[in-house]
């Protein structure tokens, strides 16, 4: 009986972790609006995201804080490269090639959009 319970717990654990994106899934190039963002690994198992192409602010780091994970989503402060505004954001992996971002500034200006993996 104990073996059956352990097996069920392992299967359920693997199912929930398979559906949740890992931080490594963010690595690579992504497009958002008119910008291309390069997400790379940084020190201490965190990620950095830099604007590598766009109408302005090439070289800008857009992750203004560490990303933390909660309930299958990633939370942190993200800088909008078009305006420089900082959004308290929630990012969620919505497919093999897509991340959805929802966030608001402290003054309650909100923004949503999808990052799509660049070709």
N, C-alpha and C. Protein backbone atom coordinates (compact mmCIF):
# COMPACT_ATOMS: atom_id res chain seq x y z
N UNK A 1 0.82 -1.19 0.00
CA UNK A 1 0.00 0.00 0.00
C UNK A 1 0.87 1.26 0.00
N UNK A 2 1.91 1.25 0.82
CA UNK A 2 2.80 2.41 0.88
C UNK A 2 3.44 2.69 -0.47
N UNK A 3 3.81 1.64 -1.22
CA UNK A 3 4.41 1.80 -2.54
C UNK A 3 3.43 2.45 -3.51
N UNK A 4 2.15 2.07 -3.42
CA UNK A 4 1.13 2.65 -4.29
C UNK A 4 0.96 4.14 -3.99
N UNK A 5 0.90 4.50 -2.73
CA UNK A 5 0.74 5.90 -2.33
C UNK A 5 1.95 6.71 -2.80
N UNK A 6 3.15 6.18 -2.63
CA UNK A 6 4.35 6.87 -3.08
C UNK A 6 4.33 7.05 -4.59
N UNK A 7 3.94 6.01 -5.35
CA UNK A 7 3.87 6.10 -6.81
C UNK A 7 2.88 7.18 -7.24
N UNK A 8 1.70 7.23 -6.63
CA UNK A 8 0.68 8.23 -6.97
C UNK A 8 1.21 9.64 -6.66
N UNK A 9 1.87 9.80 -5.54
CA UNK A 9 2.42 11.12 -5.18
C UNK A 9 3.47 11.57 -6.19
N UNK A 10 4.32 10.65 -6.63
CA UNK A 10 5.35 10.98 -7.62
C UNK A 10 4.72 11.36 -8.96
N UNK A 11 3.72 10.61 -9.39
CA UNK A 11 3.05 10.91 -10.66
C UNK A 11 2.36 12.27 -10.60
N UNK A 12 1.63 12.54 -9.53
CA UNK A 12 0.94 13.83 -9.41
C UNK A 12 1.95 14.97 -9.35
N UNK A 13 3.03 14.78 -8.65
CA UNK A 13 4.07 15.81 -8.57
C UNK A 13 4.67 16.08 -9.94
N UNK A 14 4.92 15.06 -10.72
CA UNK A 14 5.52 15.27 -12.04
C UNK A 14 4.53 15.92 -12.99
N UNK A 15 3.25 15.63 -12.85
CA UNK A 15 2.26 16.27 -13.71
C UNK A 15 2.17 17.76 -13.45
N UNK A 16 2.16 18.15 -12.18
CA UNK A 16 2.05 19.58 -11.89
C UNK A 16 3.31 20.32 -12.28
N UNK A 17 4.48 19.72 -12.11
CA UNK A 17 5.70 20.41 -12.49
C UNK A 17 5.89 20.43 -14.00
N UNK A 18 5.34 19.47 -14.72
CA UNK A 18 5.46 19.47 -16.18
C UNK A 18 4.66 20.59 -16.80
N UNK A 19 3.55 20.96 -16.18
CA UNK A 19 2.73 22.02 -16.75
C UNK A 19 3.21 23.41 -16.37
N UNK A 20 4.04 23.52 -15.37
CA UNK A 20 4.55 24.82 -14.93
C UNK A 20 5.90 25.09 -15.59
N UNK A 21 6.06 26.27 -16.11
CA UNK A 21 7.30 26.63 -16.78
C UNK A 21 8.40 26.89 -15.77
N UNK A 22 9.59 26.53 -16.14
CA UNK A 22 10.77 26.78 -15.33
C UNK A 22 11.42 28.07 -15.80
N UNK A 23 12.28 28.62 -14.99
CA UNK A 23 12.96 29.85 -15.33
C UNK A 23 13.79 29.67 -16.60
N UNK A 24 14.33 28.46 -16.82
CA UNK A 24 15.14 28.22 -18.03
C UNK A 24 14.30 28.31 -19.30
N UNK A 25 12.99 28.14 -19.19
CA UNK A 25 12.11 28.25 -20.36
C UNK A 25 12.02 29.68 -20.87
N UNK A 26 12.45 30.64 -20.08
CA UNK A 26 12.42 32.04 -20.49
C UNK A 26 13.63 32.43 -21.32
N UNK A 27 14.69 31.61 -21.27
CA UNK A 27 15.92 31.96 -21.96
C UNK A 27 15.72 32.03 -23.46
N UNK A 28 16.38 33.00 -24.10
CA UNK A 28 16.30 33.14 -25.55
C UNK A 28 15.82 34.51 -25.96
N UNK A 29 15.48 34.63 -27.23
CA UNK A 29 15.00 35.91 -27.78
C UNK A 29 13.48 35.91 -27.87
N UNK A 30 12.91 37.05 -27.50
CA UNK A 30 11.46 37.22 -27.47
C UNK A 30 11.11 38.55 -28.12
N UNK A 31 9.97 38.61 -28.76
CA UNK A 31 9.49 39.88 -29.30
C UNK A 31 8.29 40.32 -28.49
N UNK A 32 8.19 41.62 -28.31
CA UNK A 32 7.06 42.24 -27.63
C UNK A 32 6.90 43.63 -28.23
N UNK A 33 5.74 43.89 -28.78
CA UNK A 33 5.47 45.13 -29.50
C UNK A 33 6.57 45.32 -30.55
N UNK A 34 7.29 46.43 -30.56
CA UNK A 34 8.34 46.67 -31.54
C UNK A 34 9.73 46.32 -31.03
N UNK A 35 9.81 45.57 -29.95
CA UNK A 35 11.09 45.29 -29.29
C UNK A 35 11.45 43.81 -29.37
N UNK A 36 12.76 43.55 -29.42
CA UNK A 36 13.28 42.20 -29.26
C UNK A 36 14.08 42.18 -27.97
N UNK A 37 13.79 41.20 -27.13
CA UNK A 37 14.38 41.08 -25.81
C UNK A 37 15.20 39.79 -25.77
N UNK A 38 16.41 39.86 -25.24
CA UNK A 38 17.26 38.68 -25.05
C UNK A 38 17.26 38.34 -23.56
N UNK A 39 16.78 37.15 -23.21
CA UNK A 39 16.75 36.70 -21.82
C UNK A 39 17.89 35.70 -21.63
N UNK A 40 18.75 35.99 -20.65
CA UNK A 40 19.92 35.15 -20.38
C UNK A 40 19.98 34.81 -18.89
N UNK A 41 20.79 33.80 -18.57
CA UNK A 41 21.03 33.47 -17.17
C UNK A 41 21.99 34.46 -16.56
N UNK A 42 21.71 34.84 -15.32
CA UNK A 42 22.60 35.73 -14.57
C UNK A 42 23.08 34.97 -13.33
N UNK A 43 23.79 35.64 -12.50
CA UNK A 43 24.28 35.05 -11.25
C UNK A 43 23.11 34.62 -10.37
N UNK A 44 23.36 33.67 -9.52
CA UNK A 44 22.39 33.20 -8.53
C UNK A 44 21.10 32.64 -9.13
N UNK A 45 21.21 31.99 -10.29
CA UNK A 45 20.07 31.33 -10.95
C UNK A 45 18.92 32.28 -11.26
N UNK A 46 19.21 33.52 -11.54
CA UNK A 46 18.18 34.45 -11.95
C UNK A 46 18.35 34.74 -13.42
N UNK A 47 17.44 35.48 -13.98
CA UNK A 47 17.52 35.81 -15.39
C UNK A 47 17.61 37.32 -15.57
N UNK A 48 18.26 37.70 -16.65
CA UNK A 48 18.35 39.10 -17.06
C UNK A 48 17.67 39.20 -18.41
N UNK A 49 17.10 40.35 -18.70
CA UNK A 49 16.43 40.56 -19.99
C UNK A 49 16.83 41.93 -20.51
N UNK A 50 17.46 41.93 -21.67
CA UNK A 50 17.97 43.16 -22.26
C UNK A 50 17.31 43.42 -23.61
N UNK A 51 16.99 44.67 -23.88
CA UNK A 51 16.47 45.06 -25.19
C UNK A 51 17.64 44.97 -26.17
N UNK A 52 17.49 44.12 -27.22
CA UNK A 52 18.57 43.97 -28.21
C UNK A 52 18.19 44.60 -29.55
N UNK A 53 16.92 44.92 -29.74
CA UNK A 53 16.49 45.60 -30.96
C UNK A 53 15.18 46.31 -30.67
N UNK A 54 15.01 47.45 -31.30
CA UNK A 54 13.77 48.20 -31.12
C UNK A 54 13.95 49.64 -31.49
N UNK A 55 12.88 50.41 -31.40
CA UNK A 55 12.95 51.81 -31.80
C UNK A 55 13.75 52.69 -30.85
N UNK A 56 13.95 52.23 -29.60
CA UNK A 56 14.77 52.98 -28.64
C UNK A 56 15.13 52.08 -27.47
N UNK A 57 16.01 52.58 -26.62
CA UNK A 57 16.43 51.91 -25.39
C UNK A 57 17.10 50.55 -25.59
N UNK A 58 17.78 50.37 -26.73
CA UNK A 58 18.57 49.16 -26.93
C UNK A 58 19.65 49.12 -25.85
N UNK A 59 19.80 47.98 -25.20
CA UNK A 59 20.74 47.84 -24.09
C UNK A 59 20.08 47.96 -22.73
N UNK A 60 18.83 48.41 -22.68
CA UNK A 60 18.12 48.56 -21.40
C UNK A 60 17.79 47.19 -20.80
N UNK A 61 18.05 47.07 -19.50
CA UNK A 61 17.65 45.88 -18.73
C UNK A 61 16.19 46.06 -18.35
N UNK A 62 15.34 45.07 -18.67
CA UNK A 62 13.92 45.26 -18.38
C UNK A 62 13.42 44.54 -17.14
N UNK A 63 14.20 43.60 -16.60
CA UNK A 63 13.79 42.99 -15.33
C UNK A 63 14.41 43.84 -14.22
N UNK A 64 13.58 44.62 -13.53
CA UNK A 64 14.06 45.55 -12.51
C UNK A 64 14.15 44.91 -11.13
N UNK A 65 13.79 43.64 -11.02
CA UNK A 65 13.87 42.93 -9.74
C UNK A 65 14.07 41.45 -10.02
N UNK A 66 14.34 40.72 -8.95
CA UNK A 66 14.37 39.26 -9.06
C UNK A 66 12.97 38.78 -9.39
N UNK A 67 12.89 37.72 -10.18
CA UNK A 67 11.58 37.11 -10.43
C UNK A 67 11.36 36.03 -9.40
N UNK A 68 10.17 36.01 -8.83
CA UNK A 68 9.82 34.97 -7.87
C UNK A 68 8.65 34.18 -8.41
N UNK A 69 8.60 32.92 -8.01
CA UNK A 69 7.57 32.02 -8.52
C UNK A 69 6.50 31.79 -7.47
N UNK A 70 5.24 31.82 -7.93
CA UNK A 70 4.12 31.54 -7.05
C UNK A 70 2.96 31.04 -7.90
N UNK A 71 2.41 29.89 -7.52
CA UNK A 71 1.25 29.31 -8.21
C UNK A 71 1.46 29.16 -9.72
N UNK A 72 2.66 28.76 -10.13
CA UNK A 72 2.94 28.51 -11.53
C UNK A 72 3.24 29.74 -12.38
N UNK A 73 3.24 30.93 -11.77
CA UNK A 73 3.54 32.17 -12.51
C UNK A 73 4.80 32.80 -11.91
N UNK A 74 5.38 33.75 -12.65
CA UNK A 74 6.56 34.48 -12.20
C UNK A 74 6.16 35.92 -11.94
N UNK A 75 6.64 36.47 -10.83
CA UNK A 75 6.31 37.83 -10.43
C UNK A 75 7.58 38.65 -10.27
N UNK A 76 7.50 39.92 -10.66
CA UNK A 76 8.64 40.82 -10.50
C UNK A 76 8.34 42.15 -11.15
N UNK A 77 9.30 43.05 -11.04
CA UNK A 77 9.15 44.37 -11.65
C UNK A 77 9.77 44.35 -13.04
N UNK A 78 8.99 44.83 -14.02
CA UNK A 78 9.42 44.85 -15.41
C UNK A 78 9.32 46.29 -15.92
N UNK A 79 10.37 46.73 -16.61
CA UNK A 79 10.41 48.06 -17.17
C UNK A 79 9.89 48.01 -18.62
N UNK A 80 8.96 48.89 -18.93
CA UNK A 80 8.46 49.00 -20.30
C UNK A 80 9.51 49.76 -21.11
N UNK A 81 10.14 49.14 -22.11
CA UNK A 81 11.20 49.84 -22.84
C UNK A 81 10.70 51.02 -23.67
N UNK A 82 9.42 51.07 -23.95
CA UNK A 82 8.86 52.19 -24.71
C UNK A 82 8.73 53.45 -23.87
N UNK A 83 8.45 53.28 -22.55
CA UNK A 83 8.17 54.44 -21.70
C UNK A 83 9.11 54.58 -20.52
N UNK A 84 9.77 53.49 -20.12
CA UNK A 84 10.62 53.52 -18.93
C UNK A 84 9.84 53.30 -17.64
N UNK A 85 8.52 53.16 -17.73
CA UNK A 85 7.69 52.93 -16.54
C UNK A 85 7.94 51.52 -15.99
N UNK A 86 7.92 51.39 -14.67
CA UNK A 86 8.13 50.11 -14.00
C UNK A 86 6.77 49.53 -13.60
N UNK A 87 6.54 48.29 -13.99
CA UNK A 87 5.28 47.60 -13.71
C UNK A 87 5.52 46.45 -12.75
N UNK A 88 4.68 46.33 -11.74
CA UNK A 88 4.65 45.14 -10.89
C UNK A 88 3.91 44.10 -11.70
N UNK A 89 4.62 43.07 -12.14
CA UNK A 89 4.11 42.20 -13.19
C UNK A 89 3.99 40.75 -12.79
N UNK A 90 3.10 40.09 -13.49
CA UNK A 90 2.90 38.64 -13.40
C UNK A 90 3.14 38.10 -14.80
N UNK A 91 4.04 37.12 -14.93
CA UNK A 91 4.31 36.49 -16.22
C UNK A 91 3.97 35.02 -16.13
N UNK A 92 3.30 34.55 -17.17
CA UNK A 92 2.85 33.16 -17.18
C UNK A 92 3.11 32.56 -18.55
N UNK A 93 3.71 31.39 -18.55
CA UNK A 93 3.99 30.65 -19.76
C UNK A 93 2.65 30.15 -20.31
N UNK A 94 2.30 30.56 -21.53
CA UNK A 94 0.99 30.20 -22.09
C UNK A 94 1.11 29.23 -23.26
N UNK A 95 2.31 28.88 -23.64
CA UNK A 95 2.54 27.94 -24.73
C UNK A 95 4.02 27.76 -24.92
N UNK A 96 4.39 26.90 -25.84
CA UNK A 96 5.81 26.62 -26.07
C UNK A 96 6.56 27.85 -26.54
N UNK A 97 5.85 28.80 -27.11
CA UNK A 97 6.50 29.98 -27.69
C UNK A 97 5.94 31.30 -27.16
N UNK A 98 5.21 31.27 -26.06
CA UNK A 98 4.53 32.49 -25.61
C UNK A 98 4.52 32.64 -24.10
N UNK A 99 4.82 33.86 -23.64
CA UNK A 99 4.67 34.27 -22.25
C UNK A 99 3.68 35.42 -22.21
N UNK A 100 2.78 35.43 -21.26
CA UNK A 100 1.83 36.53 -21.08
C UNK A 100 2.28 37.35 -19.88
N UNK A 101 2.27 38.66 -20.05
CA UNK A 101 2.64 39.58 -18.99
C UNK A 101 1.44 40.46 -18.68
N UNK A 102 1.13 40.60 -17.40
CA UNK A 102 0.11 41.53 -16.91
C UNK A 102 0.76 42.30 -15.77
N UNK A 103 0.62 43.62 -15.79
CA UNK A 103 1.22 44.40 -14.72
C UNK A 103 0.64 45.79 -14.61
N UNK A 104 0.90 46.40 -13.47
CA UNK A 104 0.44 47.77 -13.21
C UNK A 104 1.55 48.54 -12.52
N UNK A 105 1.60 49.84 -12.78
CA UNK A 105 2.54 50.71 -12.07
C UNK A 105 1.94 51.05 -10.71
N UNK A 106 2.72 51.70 -9.87
CA UNK A 106 2.20 52.10 -8.56
C UNK A 106 1.08 53.12 -8.70
N UNK A 107 1.04 53.85 -9.82
CA UNK A 107 -0.04 54.82 -10.05
C UNK A 107 -1.23 54.19 -10.78
N UNK A 108 -1.27 52.86 -10.83
CA UNK A 108 -2.40 52.09 -11.37
C UNK A 108 -2.56 52.19 -12.89
N UNK A 109 -1.47 52.46 -13.61
CA UNK A 109 -1.48 52.36 -15.06
C UNK A 109 -1.13 50.91 -15.37
N UNK A 110 -2.01 50.20 -16.09
CA UNK A 110 -1.83 48.77 -16.32
C UNK A 110 -1.51 48.46 -17.78
N UNK A 111 -0.86 47.31 -17.97
CA UNK A 111 -0.39 46.89 -19.28
C UNK A 111 -0.45 45.38 -19.35
N UNK A 112 -0.86 44.84 -20.50
CA UNK A 112 -0.86 43.41 -20.74
C UNK A 112 -0.26 43.16 -22.11
N UNK A 113 0.28 41.99 -22.31
CA UNK A 113 0.80 41.65 -23.63
C UNK A 113 1.46 40.30 -23.62
N UNK A 114 1.82 39.85 -24.81
CA UNK A 114 2.48 38.57 -24.96
C UNK A 114 3.88 38.73 -25.53
N UNK A 115 4.81 38.00 -24.91
CA UNK A 115 6.16 37.87 -25.45
C UNK A 115 6.14 36.61 -26.30
N UNK A 116 6.54 36.73 -27.55
CA UNK A 116 6.54 35.59 -28.47
C UNK A 116 7.98 35.27 -28.81
N UNK A 117 8.33 33.98 -28.76
CA UNK A 117 9.70 33.58 -29.06
C UNK A 117 10.07 34.01 -30.48
N UNK A 118 11.22 34.68 -30.61
CA UNK A 118 11.68 35.15 -31.92
C UNK A 118 12.21 33.97 -32.72
N UNK A 119 12.12 34.08 -34.01
CA UNK A 119 12.58 33.01 -34.90
C UNK A 119 14.07 33.03 -35.03
